[in-house]
Amino acid sequence: KVDELVLDKQMLPDGFQVVHSPGHTAGLIALHQPERGILIVGDAFGSRDGKLHMPVAMATPHKDVARDSIRRLAEIKGVQVICCGHGAPVTQNAEARLQAFAASLES
């Protein structure tokens, strides 16, 4: 059950902004806190052994939409920390690593 609906680009308390990130699921969102450089991506993608990866294929019905969402997340400037739903936080070169990951995705 959804407690509260939020919209893309909506500002939330503590300075977090909603980023609609469909693909893994239709209603998936990420949260960006620009003042602190934090990007919480949930299941939009994961991190494993220091590398970013697509969400599990069998649980991602719209892979092309998921890739588009990752590319959109990679456009966010000033990202210093990425928190994924699966895997360790990315704390080193987060913005550059996300941009490289997005660029590596097939169309």
PDB file of N, CA and C in Angstrom:
ATOM      1  N   LYS A   1       0.842  -1.171   0.000  1.00  0.00           N
ATOM      2  CA  LYS A   1       0.000   0.000   0.000  1.00  0.00           C
ATOM      3  C   LYS A   1       0.892   1.242   0.000  1.00  0.00           C
ATOM      4  N   VAL A   2       0.568   2.174  -0.837  1.00  0.00           N
ATOM      5  CA  VAL A   2       1.309   3.435  -0.926  1.00  0.00           C
ATOM      6  C   VAL A   2       0.801   4.383   0.152  1.00  0.00           C
ATOM      7  N   ASP A   3       1.714   4.903   0.952  1.00  0.00           N
ATOM      8  CA  ASP A   3       1.332   5.853   2.002  1.00  0.00           C
ATOM      9  C   ASP A   3       1.193   7.266   1.464  1.00  0.00           C
ATOM     10  N   GLU A   4       2.060   7.622   0.529  1.00  0.00           N
ATOM     11  CA  GLU A   4       2.026   8.980  -0.023  1.00  0.00           C
ATOM     12  C   GLU A   4       2.548   8.950  -1.454  1.00  0.00           C
ATOM     13  N   LEU A   5       1.798   9.520  -2.372  1.00  0.00           N
ATOM     14  CA  LEU A   5       2.248   9.621  -3.756  1.00  0.00           C
ATOM     15  C   LEU A   5       3.216  10.783  -3.887  1.00  0.00           C
ATOM     16  N   VAL A   6       4.285  10.568  -4.636  1.00  0.00           N
ATOM     17  CA  VAL A   6       5.237  11.638  -4.923  1.00  0.00           C
ATOM     18  C   VAL A   6       5.389  11.739  -6.435  1.00  0.00           C
ATOM     19  N   LEU A   7       5.830  12.890  -6.882  1.00  0.00           N
ATOM     20  CA  LEU A   7       5.968  13.148  -8.310  1.00  0.00           C
ATOM     21  C   LEU A   7       7.420  13.398  -8.676  1.00  0.00           C
ATOM     22  N   ASP A   8       7.753  13.130  -9.921  1.00  0.00           N
ATOM     23  CA  ASP A   8       9.084  13.416 -10.425  1.00  0.00           C
ATOM     24  C   ASP A   8       9.428  14.877 -10.168  1.00  0.00           C
ATOM     25  N   LYS A   9      10.619  15.115  -9.684  1.00  0.00           N
ATOM     26  CA  LYS A   9      11.159  16.447  -9.381  1.00  0.00           C
ATOM     27  C   LYS A   9      10.579  17.083  -8.118  1.00  0.00           C
ATOM     28  N   GLN A  10       9.671  16.383  -7.436  1.00  0.00           N
ATOM     29  CA  GLN A  10       9.099  16.919  -6.199  1.00  0.00           C
ATOM     30  C   GLN A  10      10.174  17.008  -5.125  1.00  0.00           C
ATOM     31  N   MET A  11      10.178  18.108  -4.383  1.00  0.00           N
ATOM     32  CA  MET A  11      11.108  18.275  -3.264  1.00  0.00           C
ATOM     33  C   MET A  11      10.468  17.709  -1.998  1.00  0.00           C
ATOM     34  N   LEU A  12      11.246  16.944  -1.264  1.00  0.00           N
ATOM     35  CA  LEU A  12      10.798  16.332  -0.019  1.00  0.00           C
ATOM     36  C   LEU A  12      11.550  16.965   1.150  1.00  0.00           C
ATOM     37  N   PRO A  13      11.134  16.658   2.372  1.00  0.00           N
ATOM     38  CA  PRO A  13      11.867  17.172   3.534  1.00  0.00           C
ATOM     39  C   PRO A  13      13.351  16.793   3.468  1.00  0.00           C
ATOM     40  N   ASP A  14      14.167  17.579   4.126  1.00  0.00           N
ATOM     41  CA  ASP A  14      15.619  17.374   4.176  1.00  0.00           C
ATOM     42  C   ASP A  14      16.297  17.570   2.825  1.00  0.00           C
ATOM     43  N   GLY A  15      15.601  18.222   1.891  1.00  0.00           N
ATOM     44  CA  GLY A  15      16.228  18.589   0.627  1.00  0.00           C
ATOM     45  C   GLY A  15      16.353  17.492  -0.403  1.00  0.00           C
ATOM     46  N   PHE A  16      15.638  16.393  -0.239  1.00  0.00           N
ATOM     47  CA  PHE A  16      15.676  15.322  -1.230  1.00  0.00           C
ATOM     48  C   PHE A  16      14.711  15.624  -2.369  1.00  0.00           C
ATOM     49  N   GLN A  17      15.155  15.348  -3.583  1.00  0.00           N
ATOM     50  CA  GLN A  17      14.308  15.521  -4.758  1.00  0.00           C
ATOM     51  C   GLN A  17      14.015  14.152  -5.360  1.00  0.00           C
ATOM     52  N   VAL A  18      12.761  13.941  -5.749  1.00  0.00           N
ATOM     53  CA  VAL A  18      12.315  12.695  -6.355  1.00  0.00           C
ATOM     54  C   VAL A  18      12.769  12.654  -7.817  1.00  0.00           C
ATOM     55  N   VAL A  19      13.309  11.505  -8.230  1.00  0.00           N
ATOM     56  CA  VAL A  19      13.668  11.274  -9.626  1.00  0.00           C
ATOM     57  C   VAL A  19      12.972   9.980 -10.050  1.00  0.00           C
ATOM     58  N   HIS A  20      11.935  10.094 -10.879  1.00  0.00           N
ATOM     59  CA  HIS A  20      11.224   8.908 -11.348  1.00  0.00           C
ATOM     60  C   HIS A  20      12.198   8.062 -12.159  1.00  0.00           C
ATOM     61  N   SER A  21      12.328   6.780 -11.809  1.00  0.00           N
ATOM     62  CA  SER A  21      13.337   5.900 -12.409  1.00  0.00           C
ATOM     63  C   SER A  21      12.738   4.548 -12.782  1.00  0.00           C
ATOM     64  N   PRO A  22      11.738   4.531 -13.658  1.00  0.00           N
ATOM     65  CA  PRO A  22      11.078   3.268 -13.987  1.00  0.00           C
ATOM     66  C   PRO A  22      12.001   2.313 -14.745  1.00  0.00           C
ATOM     67  N   GLY A  23      11.567   1.074 -14.828  1.00  0.00           N
ATOM     68  CA  GLY A  23      12.300   0.048 -15.563  1.00  0.00           C
ATOM     69  C   GLY A  23      12.299  -1.247 -14.783  1.00  0.00           C
ATOM     70  N   HIS A  24      12.962  -1.234 -13.628  1.00  0.00           N
ATOM     71  CA  HIS A  24      12.921  -2.411 -12.759  1.00  0.00           C
ATOM     72  C   HIS A  24      11.478  -2.617 -12.302  1.00  0.00           C
ATOM     73  N   THR A  25      10.834  -1.524 -11.901  1.00  0.00           N
ATOM     74  CA  THR A  25       9.386  -1.489 -11.665  1.00  0.00           C
ATOM     75  C   THR A  25       8.874  -0.161 -12.211  1.00  0.00           C
ATOM     76  N   ALA A  26       7.589  -0.101 -12.489  1.00  0.00           N
ATOM     77  CA  ALA A  26       7.023   1.102 -13.107  1.00  0.00           C
ATOM     78  C   ALA A  26       7.069   2.326 -12.199  1.00  0.00           C
ATOM     79  N   GLY A  27       6.928   2.127 -10.914  1.00  0.00           N
ATOM     80  CA  GLY A  27       6.853   3.263 -10.004  1.00  0.00           C
ATOM     81  C   GLY A  27       8.135   3.562  -9.248  1.00  0.00           C
ATOM     82  N   LEU A  28       9.239   2.939  -9.657  1.00  0.00           N
ATOM     83  CA  LEU A  28      10.501   3.120  -8.938  1.00  0.00           C
ATOM     84  C   LEU A  28      10.945   4.580  -8.964  1.00  0.00           C
ATOM     85  N   ILE A  29      11.452   5.038  -7.822  1.00  0.00           N
ATOM     86  CA  ILE A  29      12.011   6.387  -7.739  1.00  0.00           C
ATOM     87  C   ILE A  29      13.422   6.318  -7.163  1.00  0.00           C
ATOM     88  N   ALA A  30      14.182   7.345  -7.466  1.00  0.00           N
ATOM     89  CA  ALA A  30      15.460   7.587  -6.801  1.00  0.00           C
ATOM     90  C   ALA A  30      15.287   8.874  -6.016  1.00  0.00           C
ATOM     91  N   LEU A  31      16.165   9.098  -5.066  1.00  0.00           N
ATOM     92  CA  LEU A  31      16.140  10.325  -4.271  1.00  0.00           C
ATOM     93  C   LEU A  31      17.505  10.987  -4.364  1.00  0.00           C
ATOM     94  N   HIS A  32      17.495  12.267  -4.709  1.00  0.00           N
ATOM     95  CA  HIS A  32      18.746  13.018  -4.859  1.00  0.00           C
ATOM     96  C   HIS A  32      18.774  14.138  -3.837  1.00  0.00           C
ATOM     97  N   GLN A  33      19.861  14.218  -3.095  1.00  0.00           N
ATOM     98  CA  GLN A  33      20.067  15.290  -2.118  1.00  0.00           C
ATOM     99  C   GLN A  33      21.259  16.100  -2.621  1.00  0.00           C
ATOM    100  N   PRO A  34      20.993  17.156  -3.416  1.00  0.00           N
ATOM    101  CA  PRO A  34      22.083  17.875  -4.075  1.00  0.00           C
ATOM    102  C   PRO A  34      23.062  18.558  -3.125  1.00  0.00           C
ATOM    103  N   GLU A  35      22.601  19.047  -1.991  1.00  0.00           N
ATOM    104  CA  GLU A  35      23.501  19.741  -1.065  1.00  0.00           C
ATOM    105  C   GLU A  35      24.585  18.817  -0.521  1.00  0.00           C
ATOM    106  N   ARG A  36      24.257  17.549  -0.360  1.00  0.00           N
ATOM    107  CA  ARG A  36      25.217  16.578   0.183  1.00  0.00           C
ATOM    108  C   ARG A  36      25.799  15.663  -0.888  1.00  0.00           C
ATOM    109  N   GLY A  37      25.283  15.770  -2.112  1.00  0.00           N
ATOM    110  CA  GLY A  37      25.783  14.926  -3.194  1.00  0.00           C
ATOM    111  C   GLY A  37      25.377  13.474  -3.074  1.00  0.00           C
ATOM    112  N   ILE A  38      24.230  13.224  -2.449  1.00  0.00           N
ATOM    113  CA  ILE A  38      23.762  11.853  -2.222  1.00  0.00           C
ATOM    114  C   ILE A  38      22.722  11.482  -3.276  1.00  0.00           C
ATOM    115  N   LEU A  39      22.864  10.285  -3.849  1.00  0.00           N
ATOM    116  CA  LEU A  39      21.886   9.748  -4.786  1.00  0.00           C
ATOM    117  C   LEU A  39      21.514   8.347  -4.313  1.00  0.00           C
ATOM    118  N   ILE A  40      20.260   8.180  -3.911  1.00  0.00           N
ATOM    119  CA  ILE A  40      19.743   6.879  -3.470  1.00  0.00           C
ATOM    120  C   ILE A  40      18.942   6.315  -4.637  1.00  0.00           C
ATOM    121  N   VAL A  41      19.423   5.220  -5.225  1.00  0.00           N
ATOM    122  CA  VAL A  41      18.807   4.711  -6.452  1.00  0.00           C
ATOM    123  C   VAL A  41      17.934   3.488  -6.239  1.00  0.00           C
ATOM    124  N   GLY A  42      17.891   2.951  -5.036  1.00  0.00           N
ATOM    125  CA  GLY A  42      17.074   1.765  -4.796  1.00  0.00           C
ATOM    126  C   GLY A  42      17.490   0.635  -5.715  1.00  0.00           C
ATOM    127  N   ASP A  43      16.547   0.088  -6.477  1.00  0.00           N
ATOM    128  CA  ASP A  43      16.818  -1.032  -7.372  1.00  0.00           C
ATOM    129  C   ASP A  43      17.003  -0.608  -8.826  1.00  0.00           C
ATOM    130  N   ALA A  44      17.212   0.685  -9.092  1.00  0.00           N
ATOM    131  CA  ALA A  44      17.439   1.127 -10.474  1.00  0.00           C
ATOM    132  C   ALA A  44      18.682   0.454 -11.051  1.00  0.00           C
ATOM    133  N   PHE A  45      19.683   0.240 -10.202  1.00  0.00           N
ATOM    134  CA  PHE A  45      20.872  -0.545 -10.537  1.00  0.00           C
ATOM    135  C   PHE A  45      21.537  -0.946  -9.230  1.00  0.00           C
ATOM    136  N   GLY A  46      22.521  -1.817  -9.317  1.00  0.00           N
ATOM    137  CA  GLY A  46      23.197  -2.278  -8.113  1.00  0.00           C
ATOM    138  C   GLY A  46      24.696  -2.094  -8.210  1.00  0.00           C
ATOM    139  N   SER A  47      25.374  -2.410  -7.118  1.00  0.00           N
ATOM    140  CA  SER A  47      26.841  -2.384  -7.112  1.00  0.00           C
ATOM    141  C   SER A  47      27.341  -3.715  -6.564  1.00  0.00           C
ATOM    142  N   ARG A  48      28.382  -4.225  -7.210  1.00  0.00           N
ATOM    143  CA  ARG A  48      28.963  -5.494  -6.772  1.00  0.00           C
ATOM    144  C   ARG A  48      30.457  -5.453  -7.065  1.00  0.00           C
ATOM    145  N   ASP A  49      31.246  -5.730  -6.074  1.00  0.00           N
ATOM    146  CA  ASP A  49      32.706  -5.753  -6.235  1.00  0.00           C
ATOM    147  C   ASP A  49      33.223  -4.460  -6.857  1.00  0.00           C
ATOM    148  N   GLY A  50      32.631  -3.347  -6.460  1.00  0.00           N
ATOM    149  CA  GLY A  50      33.080  -2.050  -6.942  1.00  0.00           C
ATOM    150  C   GLY A  50      32.579  -1.664  -8.316  1.00  0.00           C
ATOM    151  N   LYS A  51      31.715  -2.486  -8.914  1.00  0.00           N
ATOM    152  CA  LYS A  51      31.193  -2.195 -10.255  1.00  0.00           C
ATOM    153  C   LYS A  51      29.685  -2.021 -10.196  1.00  0.00           C
ATOM    154  N   LEU A  52      29.182  -1.134 -11.043  1.00  0.00           N
ATOM    155  CA  LEU A  52      27.737  -0.930 -11.146  1.00  0.00           C
ATOM    156  C   LEU A  52      27.177  -1.915 -12.156  1.00  0.00           C
ATOM    157  N   HIS A  53      25.949  -2.376 -11.926  1.00  0.00           N
ATOM    158  CA  HIS A  53      25.340  -3.351 -12.830  1.00  0.00           C
ATOM    159  C   HIS A  53      23.836  -3.128 -12.917  1.00  0.00           C
ATOM    160  N   MET A  54      23.273  -3.630 -14.005  1.00  0.00           N
ATOM    161  CA  MET A  54      21.831  -3.568 -14.215  1.00  0.00           C
ATOM    162  C   MET A  54      21.113  -4.381 -13.141  1.00  0.00           C
ATOM    163  N   PRO A  55      19.842  -4.043 -12.882  1.00  0.00           N
ATOM    164  CA  PRO A  55      19.069  -4.882 -11.965  1.00  0.00           C
ATOM    165  C   PRO A  55      18.880  -6.278 -12.575  1.00  0.00           C
ATOM    166  N   VAL A  56      18.528  -7.229 -11.750  1.00  0.00           N
ATOM    167  CA  VAL A  56      18.356  -8.615 -12.185  1.00  0.00           C
ATOM    168  C   VAL A  56      17.398  -8.680 -13.374  1.00  0.00           C
ATOM    169  N   ALA A  57      17.841  -9.329 -14.446  1.00  0.00           N
ATOM    170  CA  ALA A  57      17.084  -9.355 -15.701  1.00  0.00           C
ATOM    171  C   ALA A  57      15.684  -9.944 -15.542  1.00  0.00           C
ATOM    172  N   MET A  58      15.570 -11.065 -14.826  1.00  0.00           N
ATOM    173  CA  MET A  58      14.255 -11.709 -14.726  1.00  0.00           C
ATOM    174  C   MET A  58      13.277 -10.901 -13.874  1.00  0.00           C
ATOM    175  N   ALA A  59      13.787  -9.936 -13.117  1.00  0.00           N
ATOM    176  CA  ALA A  59      12.916  -9.088 -12.294  1.00  0.00           C
ATOM    177  C   ALA A  59      12.793  -7.678 -12.872  1.00  0.00           C
ATOM    178  N   THR A  60      13.263  -7.502 -14.110  1.00  0.00           N
ATOM    179  CA  THR A  60      13.219  -6.188 -14.754  1.00  0.00           C
ATOM    180  C   THR A  60      12.509  -6.345 -16.094  1.00  0.00           C
ATOM    181  N   PRO A  61      11.188  -6.172 -16.114  1.00  0.00           N
ATOM    182  CA  PRO A  61      10.432  -6.438 -17.328  1.00  0.00           C
ATOM    183  C   PRO A  61      10.694  -5.439 -18.462  1.00  0.00           C
ATOM    184  N   HIS A  62      11.146  -4.264 -18.138  1.00  0.00           N
ATOM    185  CA  HIS A  62      11.334  -3.228 -19.163  1.00  0.00           C
ATOM    186  C   HIS A  62      12.785  -2.751 -19.146  1.00  0.00           C
ATOM    187  N   LYS A  63      13.657  -3.597 -19.689  1.00  0.00           N
ATOM    188  CA  LYS A  63      15.092  -3.315 -19.639  1.00  0.00           C
ATOM    189  C   LYS A  63      15.465  -2.031 -20.372  1.00  0.00           C
ATOM    190  N   ASP A  64      14.799  -1.756 -21.497  1.00  0.00           N
ATOM    191  CA  ASP A  64      15.101  -0.526 -22.236  1.00  0.00           C
ATOM    192  C   ASP A  64      14.726   0.705 -21.416  1.00  0.00           C
ATOM    193  N   VAL A  65      13.619   0.642 -20.705  1.00  0.00           N
ATOM    194  CA  VAL A  65      13.200   1.752 -19.841  1.00  0.00           C
ATOM    195  C   VAL A  65      14.177   1.890 -18.671  1.00  0.00           C
ATOM    196  N   ALA A  66      14.630   0.762 -18.135  1.00  0.00           N
ATOM    197  CA  ALA A  66      15.607   0.790 -17.038  1.00  0.00           C
ATOM    198  C   ALA A  66      16.901   1.451 -17.492  1.00  0.00           C
ATOM    199  N   ARG A  67      17.365   1.119 -18.696  1.00  0.00           N
ATOM    200  CA  ARG A  67      18.587   1.745 -19.224  1.00  0.00           C
ATOM    201  C   ARG A  67      18.397   3.250 -19.395  1.00  0.00           C
ATOM    202  N   ASP A  68      17.229   3.649 -19.902  1.00  0.00           N
ATOM    203  CA  ASP A  68      16.948   5.087 -20.050  1.00  0.00           C
ATOM    204  C   ASP A  68      16.968   5.789 -18.691  1.00  0.00           C
ATOM    205  N   SER A  69      16.429   5.132 -17.671  1.00  0.00           N
ATOM    206  CA  SER A  69      16.433   5.724 -16.327  1.00  0.00           C
ATOM    207  C   SER A  69      17.855   5.873 -15.798  1.00  0.00           C
ATOM    208  N   ILE A  70      18.690   4.881 -16.044  1.00  0.00           N
ATOM    209  CA  ILE A  70      20.084   4.963 -15.601  1.00  0.00           C
ATOM    210  C   ILE A  70      20.782   6.118 -16.309  1.00  0.00           C
ATOM    211  N   ARG A  71      20.531   6.265 -17.598  1.00  0.00           N
ATOM    212  CA  ARG A  71      21.131   7.389 -18.335  1.00  0.00           C
ATOM    213  C   ARG A  71      20.659   8.723 -17.761  1.00  0.00           C
ATOM    214  N   ARG A  72      19.402   8.791 -17.397  1.00  0.00           N
ATOM    215  CA  ARG A  72      18.869  10.027 -16.806  1.00  0.00           C
ATOM    216  C   ARG A  72      19.526  10.301 -15.449  1.00  0.00           C
ATOM    217  N   LEU A  73      19.686   9.273 -14.638  1.00  0.00           N
ATOM    218  CA  LEU A  73      20.348   9.441 -13.340  1.00  0.00           C
ATOM    219  C   LEU A  73      21.795   9.902 -13.528  1.00  0.00           C
ATOM    220  N   ALA A  74      22.441   9.433 -14.593  1.00  0.00           N
ATOM    221  CA  ALA A  74      23.834   9.804 -14.856  1.00  0.00           C
ATOM    222  C   ALA A  74      23.984  11.273 -15.247  1.00  0.00           C
ATOM    223  N   GLU A  75      22.897  11.926 -15.601  1.00  0.00           N
ATOM    224  CA  GLU A  75      22.937  13.351 -15.947  1.00  0.00           C
ATOM    225  C   GLU A  75      22.955  14.251 -14.714  1.00  0.00           C
ATOM    226  N   ILE A  76      22.685  13.688 -13.554  1.00  0.00           N
ATOM    227  CA  ILE A  76      22.662  14.475 -12.319  1.00  0.00           C
ATOM    228  C   ILE A  76      24.091  14.876 -11.966  1.00  0.00           C
ATOM    229  N   LYS A  77      24.285  16.140 -11.719  1.00  0.00           N
ATOM    230  CA  LYS A  77      25.619  16.676 -11.414  1.00  0.00           C
ATOM    231  C   LYS A  77      25.877  16.714  -9.907  1.00  0.00           C
ATOM    232  N   GLY A  78      27.133  16.583  -9.540  1.00  0.00           N
ATOM    233  CA  GLY A  78      27.539  16.725  -8.146  1.00  0.00           C
ATOM    234  C   GLY A  78      27.337  15.502  -7.277  1.00  0.00           C
ATOM    235  N   VAL A  79      27.152  14.331  -7.886  1.00  0.00           N
ATOM    236  CA  VAL A  79      26.928  13.106  -7.110  1.00  0.00           C
ATOM    237  C   VAL A  79      28.250  12.649  -6.492  1.00  0.00           C
ATOM    238  N   GLN A  80      28.253  12.530  -5.182  1.00  0.00           N
ATOM    239  CA  GLN A  80      29.448  12.086  -4.455  1.00  0.00           C
ATOM    240  C   GLN A  80      29.289  10.692  -3.861  1.00  0.00           C
ATOM    241  N   VAL A  81      28.044  10.321  -3.551  1.00  0.00           N
ATOM    242  CA  VAL A  81      27.752   9.016  -2.955  1.00  0.00           C
ATOM    243  C   VAL A  81      26.518   8.444  -3.636  1.00  0.00           C
ATOM    244  N   ILE A  82      26.599   7.174  -4.023  1.00  0.00           N
ATOM    245  CA  ILE A  82      25.449   6.476  -4.596  1.00  0.00           C
ATOM    246  C   ILE A  82      25.109   5.316  -3.677  1.00  0.00           C
ATOM    247  N   CYS A  83      23.851   5.261  -3.252  1.00  0.00           N
ATOM    248  CA  CYS A  83      23.363   4.170  -2.408  1.00  0.00           C
ATOM    249  C   CYS A  83      22.403   3.325  -3.231  1.00  0.00           C
ATOM    250  N   CYS A  84      22.757   2.061  -3.424  1.00  0.00           N
ATOM    251  CA  CYS A  84      21.934   1.126  -4.191  1.00  0.00           C
ATOM    252  C   CYS A  84      21.167   0.226  -3.233  1.00  0.00           C
ATOM    253  N   GLY A  85      20.074  -0.316  -3.707  1.00  0.00           N
ATOM    254  CA  GLY A  85      19.312  -1.260  -2.907  1.00  0.00           C
ATOM    255  C   GLY A  85      20.072  -2.552  -2.667  1.00  0.00           C
ATOM    256  N   HIS A  86      21.002  -2.868  -3.566  1.00  0.00           N
ATOM    257  CA  HIS A  86      21.809  -4.086  -3.458  1.00  0.00           C
ATOM    258  C   HIS A  86      23.262  -3.713  -3.692  1.00  0.00           C
ATOM    259  N   GLY A  87      24.098  -4.015  -2.733  1.00  0.00           N
ATOM    260  CA  GLY A  87      25.523  -3.743  -2.859  1.00  0.00           C
ATOM    261  C   GLY A  87      25.964  -2.581  -1.991  1.00  0.00           C
ATOM    262  N   ALA A  88      27.264  -2.438  -1.906  1.00  0.00           N
ATOM    263  CA  ALA A  88      27.859  -1.395  -1.067  1.00  0.00           C
ATOM    264  C   ALA A  88      27.680  -0.020  -1.697  1.00  0.00           C
ATOM    265  N   PRO A  89      27.620   1.017  -0.880  1.00  0.00           N
ATOM    266  CA  PRO A  89      27.550   2.377  -1.421  1.00  0.00           C
ATOM    267  C   PRO A  89      28.793   2.685  -2.263  1.00  0.00           C
ATOM    268  N   VAL A  90      28.601   3.497  -3.274  1.00  0.00           N
ATOM    269  CA  VAL A  90      29.707   3.962  -4.112  1.00  0.00           C
ATOM    270  C   VAL A  90      30.146   5.300  -3.539  1.00  0.00           C
ATOM    271  N   THR A  91      31.368   5.358  -3.041  1.00  0.00           N
ATOM    272  CA  THR A  91      31.850   6.569  -2.378  1.00  0.00           C
ATOM    273  C   THR A  91      33.077   7.174  -3.055  1.00  0.00           C
ATOM    274  N   GLN A  92      33.639   6.483  -4.016  1.00  0.00           N
ATOM    275  CA  GLN A  92      34.813   6.976  -4.731  1.00  0.00           C
ATOM    276  C   GLN A  92      34.434   7.256  -6.183  1.00  0.00           C
ATOM    277  N   ASN A  93      34.650   8.488  -6.632  1.00  0.00           N
ATOM    278  CA  ASN A  93      34.386   8.856  -8.035  1.00  0.00           C
ATOM    279  C   ASN A  93      32.977   8.467  -8.475  1.00  0.00           C
ATOM    280  N   ALA A  94      32.002   8.681  -7.616  1.00  0.00           N
ATOM    281  CA  ALA A  94      30.635   8.209  -7.866  1.00  0.00           C
ATOM    282  C   ALA A  94      30.050   8.770  -9.159  1.00  0.00           C
ATOM    283  N   GLU A  95      30.153  10.076  -9.356  1.00  0.00           N
ATOM    284  CA  GLU A  95      29.553  10.677 -10.552  1.00  0.00           C
ATOM    285  C   GLU A  95      30.194  10.124 -11.824  1.00  0.00           C
ATOM    286  N   ALA A  96      31.505  10.070 -11.870  1.00  0.00           N
ATOM    287  CA  ALA A  96      32.209   9.568 -13.054  1.00  0.00           C
ATOM    288  C   ALA A  96      31.903   8.092 -13.296  1.00  0.00           C
ATOM    289  N   ARG A  97      31.814   7.317 -12.235  1.00  0.00           N
ATOM    290  CA  ARG A  97      31.512   5.891 -12.390  1.00  0.00           C
ATOM    291  C   ARG A  97      30.099   5.682 -12.916  1.00  0.00           C
ATOM    292  N   LEU A  98      29.150   6.475 -12.432  1.00  0.00           N
ATOM    293  CA  LEU A  98      27.777   6.373 -12.935  1.00  0.00           C
ATOM    294  C   LEU A  98      27.713   6.788 -14.401  1.00  0.00           C
ATOM    295  N   GLN A  99      28.400   7.843 -14.765  1.00  0.00           N
ATOM    296  CA  GLN A  99      28.406   8.286 -16.164  1.00  0.00           C
ATOM    297  C   GLN A  99      29.021   7.222 -17.072  1.00  0.00           C
ATOM    298  N   ALA A 100      30.120   6.613 -16.640  1.00  0.00           N
ATOM    299  CA  ALA A 100      30.760   5.562 -17.435  1.00  0.00           C
ATOM    300  C   ALA A 100      29.849   4.344 -17.556  1.00  0.00           C
ATOM    301  N   PHE A 101      29.185   3.983 -16.475  1.00  0.00           N
ATOM    302  CA  PHE A 101      28.248   2.856 -16.504  1.00  0.00           C
ATOM    303  C   PHE A 101      27.121   3.136 -17.488  1.00  0.00           C
ATOM    304  N   ALA A 102      26.527   4.312 -17.410  1.00  0.00           N
ATOM    305  CA  ALA A 102      25.426   4.670 -18.313  1.00  0.00           C
ATOM    306  C   ALA A 102      25.889   4.652 -19.765  1.00  0.00           C
ATOM    307  N   ALA A 103      27.082   5.151 -20.025  1.00  0.00           N
ATOM    308  CA  ALA A 103      27.609   5.183 -21.392  1.00  0.00           C
ATOM    309  C   ALA A 103      27.876   3.779 -21.928  1.00  0.00           C
ATOM    310  N   SER A 104      28.127   2.826 -21.039  1.00  0.00           N
ATOM    311  CA  SER A 104      28.439   1.456 -21.465  1.00  0.00           C
ATOM    312  C   SER A 104      27.201   0.639 -21.814  1.00  0.00           C
ATOM    313  N   LEU A 105      26.031   1.130 -21.470  1.00  0.00           N
ATOM    314  CA  LEU A 105      24.802   0.366 -21.689  1.00  0.00           C
ATOM    315  C   LEU A 105      24.443   0.349 -23.161  1.00  0.00           C
ATOM    316  N   GLU A 106      24.011  -0.815 -23.629  1.00  0.00           N
ATOM    317  CA  GLU A 106      23.569  -0.901 -25.021  1.00  0.00           C
ATOM    318  C   GLU A 106      22.278  -0.123 -25.190  1.00  0.00           C
ATOM    319  N   SER A 107      22.015   0.298 -26.393  1.00  0.00           N
ATOM    320  CA  SER A 107      20.805   1.104 -26.665  1.00  0.00           C
ATOM    321  C   SER A 107      19.560   0.271 -26.650  1.00  0.00           C
TER     322      SER A 107
END
